[in-house]
């Protein structure tokens, strides 16, 4: 799977990496992403690798230890979106209504 821009796939982040970076429980980054998803564009800001079409690519991310063992479909976030998700995670930690 090639990403739709010139950025290296290694620069893109996974939900597991964001959960770990913020010392949050599994699912925290996903919930934060869902709250701001409509402000971002799939294909440019994030990629979804589907288990039917991208099984080998997902396996490589799993082997690298960058995703949860239970990941079925992989969500990859561009560096700008990853920063926005981390900011949202922090807001959710300090203000549960956020």
PDB file of N, CA and C in Angstrom:
ATOM      1  N   UNK A   1       0.858  -1.189   0.000  1.00  0.00           N
ATOM      2  CA  UNK A   1       0.000   0.000   0.000  1.00  0.00           C
ATOM      3  C   UNK A   1       0.889   1.231   0.000  1.00  0.00           C
ATOM      4  N   UNK A   2       0.742   2.053  -0.958  1.00  0.00           N
ATOM      5  CA  UNK A   2       1.479   3.306  -1.026  1.00  0.00           C
ATOM      6  C   UNK A   2       0.603   4.415  -0.467  1.00  0.00           C
ATOM      7  N   UNK A   3       1.203   5.308   0.277  1.00  0.00           N
ATOM      8  CA  UNK A   3       0.459   6.446   0.779  1.00  0.00           C
ATOM      9  C   UNK A   3       0.304   7.451  -0.352  1.00  0.00           C
ATOM     10  N   UNK A   4      -0.719   8.268  -0.279  1.00  0.00           N
ATOM     11  CA  UNK A   4      -1.077   9.168  -1.361  1.00  0.00           C
ATOM     12  C   UNK A   4      -0.255  10.447  -1.424  1.00  0.00           C
ATOM     13  N   UNK A   5       0.856  10.513  -0.738  1.00  0.00           N
ATOM     14  CA  UNK A   5       1.700  11.688  -0.826  1.00  0.00           C
ATOM     15  C   UNK A   5       3.159  11.273  -0.697  1.00  0.00           C
ATOM     16  N   UNK A   6       4.043  12.243  -0.613  1.00  0.00           N
ATOM     17  CA  UNK A   6       5.477  11.959  -0.604  1.00  0.00           C
ATOM     18  C   UNK A   6       6.024  11.621   0.769  1.00  0.00           C
ATOM     19  N   UNK A   7       5.221  11.727   1.798  1.00  0.00           N
ATOM     20  CA  UNK A   7       5.725  11.440   3.145  1.00  0.00           C
ATOM     21  C   UNK A   7       5.991   9.951   3.308  1.00  0.00           C
ATOM     22  N   UNK A   8       7.037   9.658   4.025  1.00  0.00           N
ATOM     23  CA  UNK A   8       7.408   8.279   4.286  1.00  0.00           C
ATOM     24  C   UNK A   8       6.359   7.605   5.161  1.00  0.00           C
ATOM     25  N   UNK A   9       6.008   6.359   4.865  1.00  0.00           N
ATOM     26  CA  UNK A   9       5.066   5.643   5.735  1.00  0.00           C
ATOM     27  C   UNK A   9       5.550   5.559   7.172  1.00  0.00           C
ATOM     28  N   UNK A  10       6.851   5.558   7.364  1.00  0.00           N
ATOM     29  CA  UNK A  10       7.399   5.493   8.722  1.00  0.00           C
ATOM     30  C   UNK A  10       7.036   6.725   9.540  1.00  0.00           C
ATOM     31  N   UNK A  11       6.753   7.840   8.870  1.00  0.00           N
ATOM     32  CA  UNK A  11       6.410   9.081   9.570  1.00  0.00           C
ATOM     33  C   UNK A  11       4.962   9.074  10.050  1.00  0.00           C
ATOM     34  N   UNK A  12       4.140   8.237   9.453  1.00  0.00           N
ATOM     35  CA  UNK A  12       2.734   8.167   9.845  1.00  0.00           C
ATOM     36  C   UNK A  12       2.632   7.393  11.145  1.00  0.00           C
ATOM     37  N   UNK A  13       1.637   7.707  11.945  1.00  0.00           N
ATOM     38  CA  UNK A  13       1.507   7.095  13.260  1.00  0.00           C
ATOM     39  C   UNK A  13       0.249   6.252  13.360  1.00  0.00           C
ATOM     40  N   UNK A  14       0.298   5.318  14.292  1.00  0.00           N
ATOM     41  CA  UNK A  14      -0.835   4.440  14.538  1.00  0.00           C
ATOM     42  C   UNK A  14      -1.522   4.833  15.841  1.00  0.00           C
ATOM     43  N   UNK A  15      -2.701   4.315  16.025  1.00  0.00           N
ATOM     44  CA  UNK A  15      -3.441   4.591  17.256  1.00  0.00           C
ATOM     45  C   UNK A  15      -2.700   4.049  18.475  1.00  0.00           C
ATOM     46  N   UNK A  16      -2.088   2.895  18.332  1.00  0.00           N
ATOM     47  CA  UNK A  16      -1.322   2.327  19.454  1.00  0.00           C
ATOM     48  C   UNK A  16      -0.201   3.280  19.864  1.00  0.00           C
ATOM     49  N   UNK A  17       0.504   3.808  18.884  1.00  0.00           N
ATOM     50  CA  UNK A  17       1.605   4.718  19.188  1.00  0.00           C
ATOM     51  C   UNK A  17       1.118   5.973  19.901  1.00  0.00           C
ATOM     52  N   UNK A  18      -0.048   6.471  19.502  1.00  0.00           N
ATOM     53  CA  UNK A  18      -0.588   7.653  20.169  1.00  0.00           C
ATOM     54  C   UNK A  18      -1.056   7.322  21.578  1.00  0.00           C
ATOM     55  N   UNK A  19      -1.724   6.184  21.757  1.00  0.00           N
ATOM     56  CA  UNK A  19      -2.131   5.767  23.106  1.00  0.00           C
ATOM     57  C   UNK A  19      -0.905   5.670  24.016  1.00  0.00           C
ATOM     58  N   UNK A  20       0.161   5.064  23.510  1.00  0.00           N
ATOM     59  CA  UNK A  20       1.368   4.900  24.309  1.00  0.00           C
ATOM     60  C   UNK A  20       2.035   6.245  24.591  1.00  0.00           C
ATOM     61  N   UNK A  21       2.104   7.108  23.582  1.00  0.00           N
ATOM     62  CA  UNK A  21       2.761   8.408  23.759  1.00  0.00           C
ATOM     63  C   UNK A  21       2.073   9.247  24.824  1.00  0.00           C
ATOM     64  N   UNK A  22       0.756   9.105  24.928  1.00  0.00           N
ATOM     65  CA  UNK A  22      -0.015   9.879  25.908  1.00  0.00           C
ATOM     66  C   UNK A  22      -0.291   9.094  27.187  1.00  0.00           C
ATOM     67  N   UNK A  23       0.287   7.892  27.288  1.00  0.00           N
ATOM     68  CA  UNK A  23       0.080   7.029  28.467  1.00  0.00           C
ATOM     69  C   UNK A  23      -1.409   6.825  28.737  1.00  0.00           C
ATOM     70  N   UNK A  24      -2.133   6.538  27.680  1.00  0.00           N
ATOM     71  CA  UNK A  24      -3.581   6.345  27.783  1.00  0.00           C
ATOM     72  C   UNK A  24      -3.950   4.899  27.465  1.00  0.00           C
ATOM     73  N   UNK A  25      -5.123   4.523  27.886  1.00  0.00           N
ATOM     74  CA  UNK A  25      -5.632   3.181  27.631  1.00  0.00           C
ATOM     75  C   UNK A  25      -5.924   2.981  26.149  1.00  0.00           C
ATOM     76  N   UNK A  26      -5.877   1.721  25.743  1.00  0.00           N
ATOM     77  CA  UNK A  26      -6.224   1.361  24.377  1.00  0.00           C
ATOM     78  C   UNK A  26      -7.600   1.947  24.044  1.00  0.00           C
ATOM     79  N   UNK A  27      -7.711   2.538  22.883  1.00  0.00           N
ATOM     80  CA  UNK A  27      -8.971   3.110  22.440  1.00  0.00           C
ATOM     81  C   UNK A  27      -9.063   4.612  22.627  1.00  0.00           C
ATOM     82  N   UNK A  28      -8.195   5.177  23.435  1.00  0.00           N
ATOM     83  CA  UNK A  28      -8.240   6.620  23.694  1.00  0.00           C
ATOM     84  C   UNK A  28      -7.970   7.424  22.430  1.00  0.00           C
ATOM     85  N   UNK A  29      -6.952   7.033  21.676  1.00  0.00           N
ATOM     86  CA  UNK A  29      -6.627   7.763  20.443  1.00  0.00           C
ATOM     87  C   UNK A  29      -7.749   7.617  19.427  1.00  0.00           C
ATOM     88  N   UNK A  30      -8.352   6.433  19.350  1.00  0.00           N
ATOM     89  CA  UNK A  30      -9.455   6.238  18.407  1.00  0.00           C
ATOM     90  C   UNK A  30     -10.631   7.139  18.762  1.00  0.00           C
ATOM     91  N   UNK A  31     -10.974   7.215  20.022  1.00  0.00           N
ATOM     92  CA  UNK A  31     -12.085   8.088  20.434  1.00  0.00           C
ATOM     93  C   UNK A  31     -11.773   9.548  20.116  1.00  0.00           C
ATOM     94  N   UNK A  32     -10.541   9.960  20.340  1.00  0.00           N
ATOM     95  CA  UNK A  32     -10.138  11.335  20.020  1.00  0.00           C
ATOM     96  C   UNK A  32     -10.215  11.565  18.516  1.00  0.00           C
ATOM     97  N   UNK A  33      -9.740  10.608  17.739  1.00  0.00           N
ATOM     98  CA  UNK A  33      -9.801  10.723  16.278  1.00  0.00           C
ATOM     99  C   UNK A  33     -11.249  10.878  15.812  1.00  0.00           C
ATOM    100  N   UNK A  34     -12.143  10.066  16.341  1.00  0.00           N
ATOM    101  CA  UNK A  34     -13.549  10.118  15.922  1.00  0.00           C
ATOM    102  C   UNK A  34     -14.164  11.492  16.200  1.00  0.00           C
ATOM    103  N   UNK A  35     -13.708  12.164  17.253  1.00  0.00           N
ATOM    104  CA  UNK A  35     -14.265  13.487  17.589  1.00  0.00           C
ATOM    105  C   UNK A  35     -13.835  14.564  16.599  1.00  0.00           C
ATOM    106  N   UNK A  36     -12.703  14.378  15.934  1.00  0.00           N
ATOM    107  CA  UNK A  36     -12.225  15.416  15.013  1.00  0.00           C
ATOM    108  C   UNK A  36     -12.144  14.933  13.560  1.00  0.00           C
ATOM    109  N   UNK A  37     -12.563  13.726  13.305  1.00  0.00           N
ATOM    110  CA  UNK A  37     -12.428  13.105  11.982  1.00  0.00           C
ATOM    111  C   UNK A  37     -12.990  13.959  10.850  1.00  0.00           C
ATOM    112  N   UNK A  38     -14.129  14.598  11.056  1.00  0.00           N
ATOM    113  CA  UNK A  38     -14.781  15.340   9.970  1.00  0.00           C
ATOM    114  C   UNK A  38     -13.972  16.547   9.505  1.00  0.00           C
ATOM    115  N   UNK A  39     -12.993  16.957  10.280  1.00  0.00           N
ATOM    116  CA  UNK A  39     -12.154  18.097   9.912  1.00  0.00           C
ATOM    117  C   UNK A  39     -10.978  17.685   9.032  1.00  0.00           C
ATOM    118  N   UNK A  40     -10.823  16.398   8.773  1.00  0.00           N
ATOM    119  CA  UNK A  40      -9.671  15.866   8.061  1.00  0.00           C
ATOM    120  C   UNK A  40     -10.132  15.041   6.864  1.00  0.00           C
ATOM    121  N   UNK A  41      -9.224  14.775   5.929  1.00  0.00           N
ATOM    122  CA  UNK A  41      -9.578  14.107   4.680  1.00  0.00           C
ATOM    123  C   UNK A  41      -8.876  12.759   4.555  1.00  0.00           C
ATOM    124  N   UNK A  42      -9.695  11.717   4.339  1.00  0.00           N
ATOM    125  CA  UNK A  42      -9.120  10.400   4.113  1.00  0.00           C
ATOM    126  C   UNK A  42      -8.345  10.419   2.803  1.00  0.00           C
ATOM    127  N   UNK A  43      -7.195   9.777   2.787  1.00  0.00           N
ATOM    128  CA  UNK A  43      -6.351   9.740   1.611  1.00  0.00           C
ATOM    129  C   UNK A  43      -5.259  10.794   1.663  1.00  0.00           C
ATOM    130  N   UNK A  44      -5.525  11.878   2.352  1.00  0.00           N
ATOM    131  CA  UNK A  44      -4.506  12.911   2.518  1.00  0.00           C
ATOM    132  C   UNK A  44      -4.005  12.937   3.958  1.00  0.00           C
ATOM    133  N   UNK A  45      -4.924  12.981   4.910  1.00  0.00           N
ATOM    134  CA  UNK A  45      -4.573  13.111   6.320  1.00  0.00           C
ATOM    135  C   UNK A  45      -4.547  11.771   7.053  1.00  0.00           C
ATOM    136  N   UNK A  46      -5.283  10.835   6.549  1.00  0.00           N
ATOM    137  CA  UNK A  46      -5.260   9.501   7.147  1.00  0.00           C
ATOM    138  C   UNK A  46      -5.576   8.458   6.095  1.00  0.00           C
ATOM    139  N   UNK A  47      -5.106   7.263   6.368  1.00  0.00           N
ATOM    140  CA  UNK A  47      -5.313   6.116   5.486  1.00  0.00           C
ATOM    141  C   UNK A  47      -5.936   4.989   6.293  1.00  0.00           C
ATOM    142  N   UNK A  48      -6.810   4.260   5.664  1.00  0.00           N
ATOM    143  CA  UNK A  48      -7.379   3.071   6.283  1.00  0.00           C
ATOM    144  C   UNK A  48      -6.935   1.878   5.455  1.00  0.00           C
ATOM    145  N   UNK A  49      -6.198   0.987   6.070  1.00  0.00           N
ATOM    146  CA  UNK A  49      -5.811  -0.252   5.420  1.00  0.00           C
ATOM    147  C   UNK A  49      -6.824  -1.311   5.833  1.00  0.00           C
ATOM    148  N   UNK A  50      -7.485  -1.904   4.847  1.00  0.00           N
ATOM    149  CA  UNK A  50      -8.549  -2.878   5.100  1.00  0.00           C
ATOM    150  C   UNK A  50      -7.972  -4.292   5.079  1.00  0.00           C
ATOM    151  N   UNK A  51      -8.434  -5.094   6.004  1.00  0.00           N
ATOM    152  CA  UNK A  51      -7.884  -6.447   6.158  1.00  0.00           C
ATOM    153  C   UNK A  51      -8.019  -7.299   4.902  1.00  0.00           C
ATOM    154  N   UNK A  52      -9.035  -7.094   4.098  1.00  0.00           N
ATOM    155  CA  UNK A  52      -9.202  -7.883   2.874  1.00  0.00           C
ATOM    156  C   UNK A  52      -8.204  -7.478   1.796  1.00  0.00           C
ATOM    157  N   UNK A  53      -7.903  -6.197   1.713  1.00  0.00           N
ATOM    158  CA  UNK A  53      -7.067  -5.683   0.627  1.00  0.00           C
ATOM    159  C   UNK A  53      -5.606  -5.470   1.018  1.00  0.00           C
ATOM    160  N   UNK A  54      -5.347  -5.259   2.288  1.00  0.00           N
ATOM    161  CA  UNK A  54      -4.013  -4.842   2.728  1.00  0.00           C
ATOM    162  C   UNK A  54      -3.431  -5.758   3.798  1.00  0.00           C
ATOM    163  N   UNK A  55      -3.754  -7.019   3.741  1.00  0.00           N
ATOM    164  CA  UNK A  55      -3.338  -7.984   4.766  1.00  0.00           C
ATOM    165  C   UNK A  55      -1.819  -7.990   4.960  1.00  0.00           C
ATOM    166  N   UNK A  56      -1.044  -7.997   3.884  1.00  0.00           N
ATOM    167  CA  UNK A  56       0.417  -8.056   3.989  1.00  0.00           C
ATOM    168  C   UNK A  56       0.970  -6.778   4.626  1.00  0.00           C
ATOM    169  N   UNK A  57       0.442  -5.642   4.226  1.00  0.00           N
ATOM    170  CA  UNK A  57       0.909  -4.370   4.795  1.00  0.00           C
ATOM    171  C   UNK A  57       0.591  -4.310   6.289  1.00  0.00           C
ATOM    172  N   UNK A  58      -0.610  -4.736   6.672  1.00  0.00           N
ATOM    173  CA  UNK A  58      -0.993  -4.734   8.079  1.00  0.00           C
ATOM    174  C   UNK A  58      -0.068  -5.672   8.862  1.00  0.00           C
ATOM    175  N   UNK A  59       0.261  -6.800   8.272  1.00  0.00           N
ATOM    176  CA  UNK A  59       1.159  -7.750   8.940  1.00  0.00           C
ATOM    177  C   UNK A  59       2.533  -7.122   9.188  1.00  0.00           C
ATOM    178  N   UNK A  60       3.018  -6.324   8.242  1.00  0.00           N
ATOM    179  CA  UNK A  60       4.321  -5.661   8.429  1.00  0.00           C
ATOM    180  C   UNK A  60       4.262  -4.666   9.592  1.00  0.00           C
ATOM    181  N   UNK A  61       3.175  -3.898   9.703  1.00  0.00           N
ATOM    182  CA  UNK A  61       3.023  -2.957  10.823  1.00  0.00           C
ATOM    183  C   UNK A  61       2.953  -3.736  12.134  1.00  0.00           C
ATOM    184  N   UNK A  62       2.255  -4.884  12.118  1.00  0.00           N
ATOM    185  CA  UNK A  62       2.139  -5.703  13.333  1.00  0.00           C
ATOM    186  C   UNK A  62       3.511  -6.264  13.721  1.00  0.00           C
ATOM    187  N   UNK A  63       4.249  -6.786  12.746  1.00  0.00           N
ATOM    188  CA  UNK A  63       5.574  -7.349  13.010  1.00  0.00           C
ATOM    189  C   UNK A  63       6.529  -6.293  13.553  1.00  0.00           C
ATOM    190  N   UNK A  64       6.344  -5.053  13.151  1.00  0.00           N
ATOM    191  CA  UNK A  64       7.184  -3.956  13.637  1.00  0.00           C
ATOM    192  C   UNK A  64       6.777  -3.515  15.042  1.00  0.00           C
ATOM    193  N   UNK A  65       5.674  -4.071  15.555  1.00  0.00           N
ATOM    194  CA  UNK A  65       5.214  -3.731  16.894  1.00  0.00           C
ATOM    195  C   UNK A  65       4.549  -2.366  16.982  1.00  0.00           C
ATOM    196  N   UNK A  66       4.074  -1.852  15.852  1.00  0.00           N
ATOM    197  CA  UNK A  66       3.509  -0.506  15.843  1.00  0.00           C
ATOM    198  C   UNK A  66       1.984  -0.488  15.974  1.00  0.00           C
ATOM    199  N   UNK A  67       1.357  -1.672  15.937  1.00  0.00           N
ATOM    200  CA  UNK A  67      -0.098  -1.728  16.081  1.00  0.00           C
ATOM    201  C   UNK A  67      -0.467  -2.767  17.135  1.00  0.00           C
ATOM    202  N   UNK A  68      -1.697  -2.688  17.592  1.00  0.00           N
ATOM    203  CA  UNK A  68      -2.191  -3.674  18.556  1.00  0.00           C
ATOM    204  C   UNK A  68      -2.312  -5.038  17.882  1.00  0.00           C
ATOM    205  N   UNK A  69      -2.062  -6.085  18.643  1.00  0.00           N
ATOM    206  CA  UNK A  69      -2.181  -7.444  18.114  1.00  0.00           C
ATOM    207  C   UNK A  69      -3.580  -7.717  17.590  1.00  0.00           C
ATOM    208  N   UNK A  70      -4.577  -7.085  18.179  1.00  0.00           N
ATOM    209  CA  UNK A  70      -5.971  -7.309  17.792  1.00  0.00           C
ATOM    210  C   UNK A  70      -6.442  -6.437  16.621  1.00  0.00           C
ATOM    211  N   UNK A  71      -5.568  -5.591  16.081  1.00  0.00           N
ATOM    212  CA  UNK A  71      -5.963  -4.703  14.984  1.00  0.00           C
ATOM    213  C   UNK A  71      -6.413  -5.514  13.779  1.00  0.00           C
ATOM    214  N   UNK A  72      -7.573  -5.152  13.228  1.00  0.00           N
ATOM    215  CA  UNK A  72      -8.093  -5.797  12.024  1.00  0.00           C
ATOM    216  C   UNK A  72      -7.883  -4.862  10.835  1.00  0.00           C
ATOM    217  N   UNK A  73      -8.474  -3.688  10.889  1.00  0.00           N
ATOM    218  CA  UNK A  73      -8.271  -2.662   9.872  1.00  0.00           C
ATOM    219  C   UNK A  73      -7.391  -1.586  10.489  1.00  0.00           C
ATOM    220  N   UNK A  74      -6.384  -1.155   9.749  1.00  0.00           N
ATOM    221  CA  UNK A  74      -5.370  -0.255  10.298  1.00  0.00           C
ATOM    222  C   UNK A  74      -5.633   1.184   9.888  1.00  0.00           C
ATOM    223  N   UNK A  75      -5.657   2.062  10.869  1.00  0.00           N
ATOM    224  CA  UNK A  75      -5.802   3.500  10.643  1.00  0.00           C
ATOM    225  C   UNK A  75      -4.429   4.143  10.829  1.00  0.00           C
ATOM    226  N   UNK A  76      -3.929   4.791   9.780  1.00  0.00           N
ATOM    227  CA  UNK A  76      -2.640   5.485   9.821  1.00  0.00           C
ATOM    228  C   UNK A  76      -2.895   6.976   9.754  1.00  0.00           C
ATOM    229  N   UNK A  77      -2.243   7.715  10.636  1.00  0.00           N
ATOM    230  CA  UNK A  77      -2.450   9.153  10.724  1.00  0.00           C
ATOM    231  C   UNK A  77      -1.208   9.904  10.268  1.00  0.00           C
ATOM    232  N   UNK A  78      -1.424  10.926   9.446  1.00  0.00           N
ATOM    233  CA  UNK A  78      -0.321  11.784   9.032  1.00  0.00           C
ATOM    234  C   UNK A  78       0.211  12.518  10.256  1.00  0.00           C
ATOM    235  N   UNK A  79       1.448  13.006  10.192  1.00  0.00           N
ATOM    236  CA  UNK A  79       1.983  13.735  11.347  1.00  0.00           C
ATOM    237  C   UNK A  79       1.100  14.902  11.807  1.00  0.00           C
ATOM    238  N   UNK A  80       0.555  15.738  10.899  1.00  0.00           N
ATOM    239  CA  UNK A  80      -0.307  16.828  11.396  1.00  0.00           C
ATOM    240  C   UNK A  80      -1.565  16.314  12.100  1.00  0.00           C
ATOM    241  N   UNK A  81      -2.185  15.279  11.551  1.00  0.00           N
ATOM    242  CA  UNK A  81      -3.379  14.734  12.188  1.00  0.00           C
ATOM    243  C   UNK A  81      -3.020  14.062  13.512  1.00  0.00           C
ATOM    244  N   UNK A  82      -1.898  13.382  13.558  1.00  0.00           N
ATOM    245  CA  UNK A  82      -1.472  12.751  14.815  1.00  0.00           C
ATOM    246  C   UNK A  82      -1.307  13.796  15.911  1.00  0.00           C
ATOM    247  N   UNK A  83      -0.742  14.953  15.563  1.00  0.00           N
ATOM    248  CA  UNK A  83      -0.607  16.032  16.556  1.00  0.00           C
ATOM    249  C   UNK A  83      -1.981  16.508  17.014  1.00  0.00           C
ATOM    250  N   UNK A  84      -2.913  16.640  16.082  1.00  0.00           N
ATOM    251  CA  UNK A  84      -4.271  17.082  16.433  1.00  0.00           C
ATOM    252  C   UNK A  84      -4.968  16.053  17.319  1.00  0.00           C
ATOM    253  N   UNK A  85      -4.771  14.779  17.045  1.00  0.00           N
ATOM    254  CA  UNK A  85      -5.368  13.727  17.869  1.00  0.00           C
ATOM    255  C   UNK A  85      -4.767  13.766  19.268  1.00  0.00           C
ATOM    256  N   UNK A  86      -3.460  13.941  19.367  1.00  0.00           N
ATOM    257  CA  UNK A  86      -2.831  14.033  20.691  1.00  0.00           C
ATOM    258  C   UNK A  86      -3.362  15.236  21.459  1.00  0.00           C
ATOM    259  N   UNK A  87      -3.535  16.361  20.769  1.00  0.00           N
ATOM    260  CA  UNK A  87      -4.110  17.544  21.432  1.00  0.00           C
ATOM    261  C   UNK A  87      -5.519  17.249  21.927  1.00  0.00           C
ATOM    262  N   UNK A  88      -6.314  16.560  21.099  1.00  0.00           N
ATOM    263  CA  UNK A  88      -7.677  16.205  21.482  1.00  0.00           C
ATOM    264  C   UNK A  88      -7.664  15.241  22.665  1.00  0.00           C
ATOM    265  N   UNK A  89      -6.741  14.301  22.672  1.00  0.00           N
ATOM    266  CA  UNK A  89      -6.631  13.367  23.792  1.00  0.00           C
ATOM    267  C   UNK A  89      -6.346  14.123  25.086  1.00  0.00           C
ATOM    268  N   UNK A  90      -5.476  15.092  25.013  1.00  0.00           N
ATOM    269  CA  UNK A  90      -5.146  15.888  26.202  1.00  0.00           C
ATOM    270  C   UNK A  90      -6.361  16.681  26.678  1.00  0.00           C
ATOM    271  N   UNK A  91      -7.119  17.247  25.735  1.00  0.00           N
ATOM    272  CA  UNK A  91      -8.333  17.977  26.123  1.00  0.00           C
ATOM    273  C   UNK A  91      -9.339  17.035  26.778  1.00  0.00           C
ATOM    274  N   UNK A  92      -9.466  15.834  26.252  1.00  0.00           N
ATOM    275  CA  UNK A  92     -10.406  14.870  26.801  1.00  0.00           C
ATOM    276  C   UNK A  92      -9.978  14.429  28.202  1.00  0.00           C
ATOM    277  N   UNK A  93      -8.681  14.411  28.462  1.00  0.00           N
ATOM    278  CA  UNK A  93      -8.173  14.027  29.776  1.00  0.00           C
ATOM    279  C   UNK A  93      -8.459  15.107  30.818  1.00  0.00           C
ATOM    280  N   UNK A  94      -8.311  16.357  30.401  1.00  0.00           N
ATOM    281  CA  UNK A  94      -8.501  17.458  31.350  1.00  0.00           C
ATOM    282  C   UNK A  94      -9.953  17.904  31.456  1.00  0.00           C
ATOM    283  N   UNK A  95     -10.738  17.672  30.383  1.00  0.00           N
ATOM    284  CA  UNK A  95     -12.144  18.087  30.377  1.00  0.00           C
ATOM    285  C   UNK A  95     -12.981  16.972  29.785  1.00  0.00           C
ATOM    286  N   UNK A  96     -13.553  16.100  30.600  1.00  0.00           N
ATOM    287  CA  UNK A  96     -14.313  14.944  30.099  1.00  0.00           C
ATOM    288  C   UNK A  96     -15.443  15.315  29.142  1.00  0.00           C
ATOM    289  N   UNK A  97     -15.937  16.535  29.214  1.00  0.00           N
ATOM    290  CA  UNK A  97     -16.998  16.962  28.300  1.00  0.00           C
ATOM    291  C   UNK A  97     -16.467  17.223  26.901  1.00  0.00           C
ATOM    292  N   UNK A  98     -15.172  17.355  26.780  1.00  0.00           N
ATOM    293  CA  UNK A  98     -14.539  17.651  25.490  1.00  0.00           C
ATOM    294  C   UNK A  98     -14.633  16.450  24.643  1.00  0.00           C
TER     295      UNK A  98
END
